C-alpha atoms as a PDB file:
ATOM      1  CA  MET A   1       0.288   0.084  -0.145  1.00  0.00           C
ATOM      2  CA  SER A   2       1.554   3.556  -0.694  1.00  0.00           C
ATOM      3  CA  VAL A   3       2.130   6.121   1.803  1.00  0.00           C
ATOM      4  CA  VAL A   4      -0.453   8.470   0.188  1.00  0.00           C
ATOM      5  CA  ARG A   5      -3.293   5.849   0.550  1.00  0.00           C
ATOM      6  CA  ARG A   6      -2.572   4.956   3.955  1.00  0.00           C
ATOM      7  CA  TRP A   7      -2.564   8.684   4.769  1.00  0.00           C
ATOM      8  CA  TRP A   8      -5.996   9.113   2.974  1.00  0.00           C
ATOM      9  CA  ARG A   9      -7.586   5.838   4.847  1.00  0.00           C
ATOM     10  CA  THR A  10      -7.009   7.710   8.609  1.00  0.00           C
ATOM     11  CA  PRO A  11     -10.722   9.150   9.192  1.00  0.00           C
ATOM     12  CA  ARG A  12      -9.041  12.048  10.713  1.00  0.00           C
ATOM     13  CA  VAL A  13      -7.341  13.384   6.877  1.00  0.00           C
ATOM     14  CA  ARG A  14     -10.766  12.584   5.312  1.00  0.00           C
ATOM     15  CA  ARG A  15     -12.822  14.736   7.424  1.00  0.00           C
ATOM     16  CA  ALA A  16     -10.088  17.431   6.873  1.00  0.00           C
ATOM     17  CA  VAL A  17     -10.224  17.505   3.621  1.00  0.00           C
ATOM     18  CA  ALA A  18     -14.052  16.986   3.316  1.00  0.00           C
ATOM     19  CA  ARG A  19     -14.702  20.225   5.387  1.00  0.00           C
ATOM     20  CA  ALA A  20     -12.285  22.323   3.509  1.00  0.00           C
ATOM     21  CA  VAL A  21     -13.680  21.148   0.104  1.00  0.00           C
ATOM     22  CA  VAL A  22     -17.002  21.449   1.512  1.00  0.00           C
ATOM     23  CA  VAL A  23     -15.803  25.197   2.443  1.00  0.00           C
ATOM     24  CA  ILE A  24     -14.489  26.209  -0.511  1.00  0.00           C
ATOM     25  CA  GLY A  25     -17.746  24.951  -2.481  1.00  0.00           C
ATOM     26  CA  VAL A  26     -19.806  27.062  -0.055  1.00  0.00           C
ATOM     27  CA  VAL A  27     -17.587  30.402  -0.462  1.00  0.00           C
ATOM     28  CA  ILE A  28     -18.096  29.712  -4.446  1.00  0.00           C
ATOM     29  CA  VAL A  29     -21.986  29.579  -3.818  1.00  0.00           C
ATOM     30  CA  ILE A  30     -22.134  32.520  -1.777  1.00  0.00           C
ATOM     31  CA  LEU A  31     -20.100  34.698  -4.216  1.00  0.00           C
ATOM     32  CA  ALA A  32     -22.461  33.380  -6.923  1.00  0.00           C
ATOM     33  CA  ILE A  33     -25.347  34.598  -5.413  1.00  0.00           C
ATOM     34  CA  ALA A  34     -23.845  37.647  -4.563  1.00  0.00           C
ATOM     35  CA  THR A  35     -22.993  38.206  -8.289  1.00  0.00           C
ATOM     36  CA  ALA A  36     -25.512  36.148 -10.156  1.00  0.00           C
ATOM     37  CA  ARG A  37     -23.337  34.045 -11.914  1.00  0.00           C
ATOM     38  CA  TRP A  38     -25.228  30.893 -12.251  1.00  0.00           C
ATOM     39  CA  GLY A  39     -22.303  28.670 -13.883  1.00  0.00           C
ATOM     40  CA  TRP A  40     -20.434  29.463 -10.351  1.00  0.00           C
ATOM     41  CA  LEU A  41     -23.440  28.626  -8.638  1.00  0.00           C
ATOM     42  CA  PHE A  42     -23.861  25.116 -10.334  1.00  0.00           C
ATOM     43  CA  ALA A  43     -20.205  24.876 -10.063  1.00  0.00           C
ATOM     44  CA  GLY A  44     -20.442  25.702  -6.071  1.00  0.00           C
ATOM     45  CA  ILE A  45     -23.054  22.955  -5.961  1.00  0.00           C
ATOM     46  CA  VAL A  46     -21.046  20.320  -7.501  1.00  0.00           C
ATOM     47  CA  ILE A  47     -18.094  20.748  -5.300  1.00  0.00           C
ATOM     48  CA  VAL A  48     -20.182  21.005  -1.784  1.00  0.00           C
ATOM     49  CA  GLY A  49     -21.628  17.523  -3.193  1.00  0.00           C
ATOM     50  CA  LEU A  50     -17.930  15.712  -3.828  1.00  0.00           C
ATOM     51  CA  GLY A  51     -16.930  17.236  -0.459  1.00  0.00           C
ATOM     52  CA  ALA A  52     -20.174  15.690   1.152  1.00  0.00           C
ATOM     53  CA  ALA A  53     -19.329  12.748  -0.640  1.00  0.00           C
ATOM     54  CA  ALA A  54     -16.328  12.007   0.653  1.00  0.00           C
ATOM     55  CA  GLY A  55     -17.511  12.912   4.230  1.00  0.00           C
ATOM     56  CA  PRO A  56     -18.139  11.072   7.343  1.00  0.00           C
ATOM     57  CA  THR A  57     -20.543   8.934   6.272  1.00  0.00           C
ATOM     58  CA  ARG A  58     -18.424   7.551   3.731  1.00  0.00           C
ATOM     59  CA  ILE A  59     -15.351   7.129   5.871  1.00  0.00           C
ATOM     60  CA  ARG A  60     -18.110   4.950   8.554  1.00  0.00           C
ATOM     61  CA  GLY A  61     -18.678   2.592   5.491  1.00  0.00           C
ATOM     62  CA  ASP A  62     -15.360   2.205   4.148  1.00  0.00           C
ATOM     63  CA  ARG A  63     -14.356   0.259   7.744  1.00  0.00           C
END
């Protein structure tokens, strides 16, 4: 098993990365709403979804 794969399997790391991705997505969504950029809104929603997919529920399912 590679070092990166071992590092990624720890719940603490995955949770931290998931939270960071969700925060970035929320910031993009807020900026998109404020500037009426609908493409950025869609991208922000997708990024929030990706962060949620890497979140705690997925971590529990991998054990």
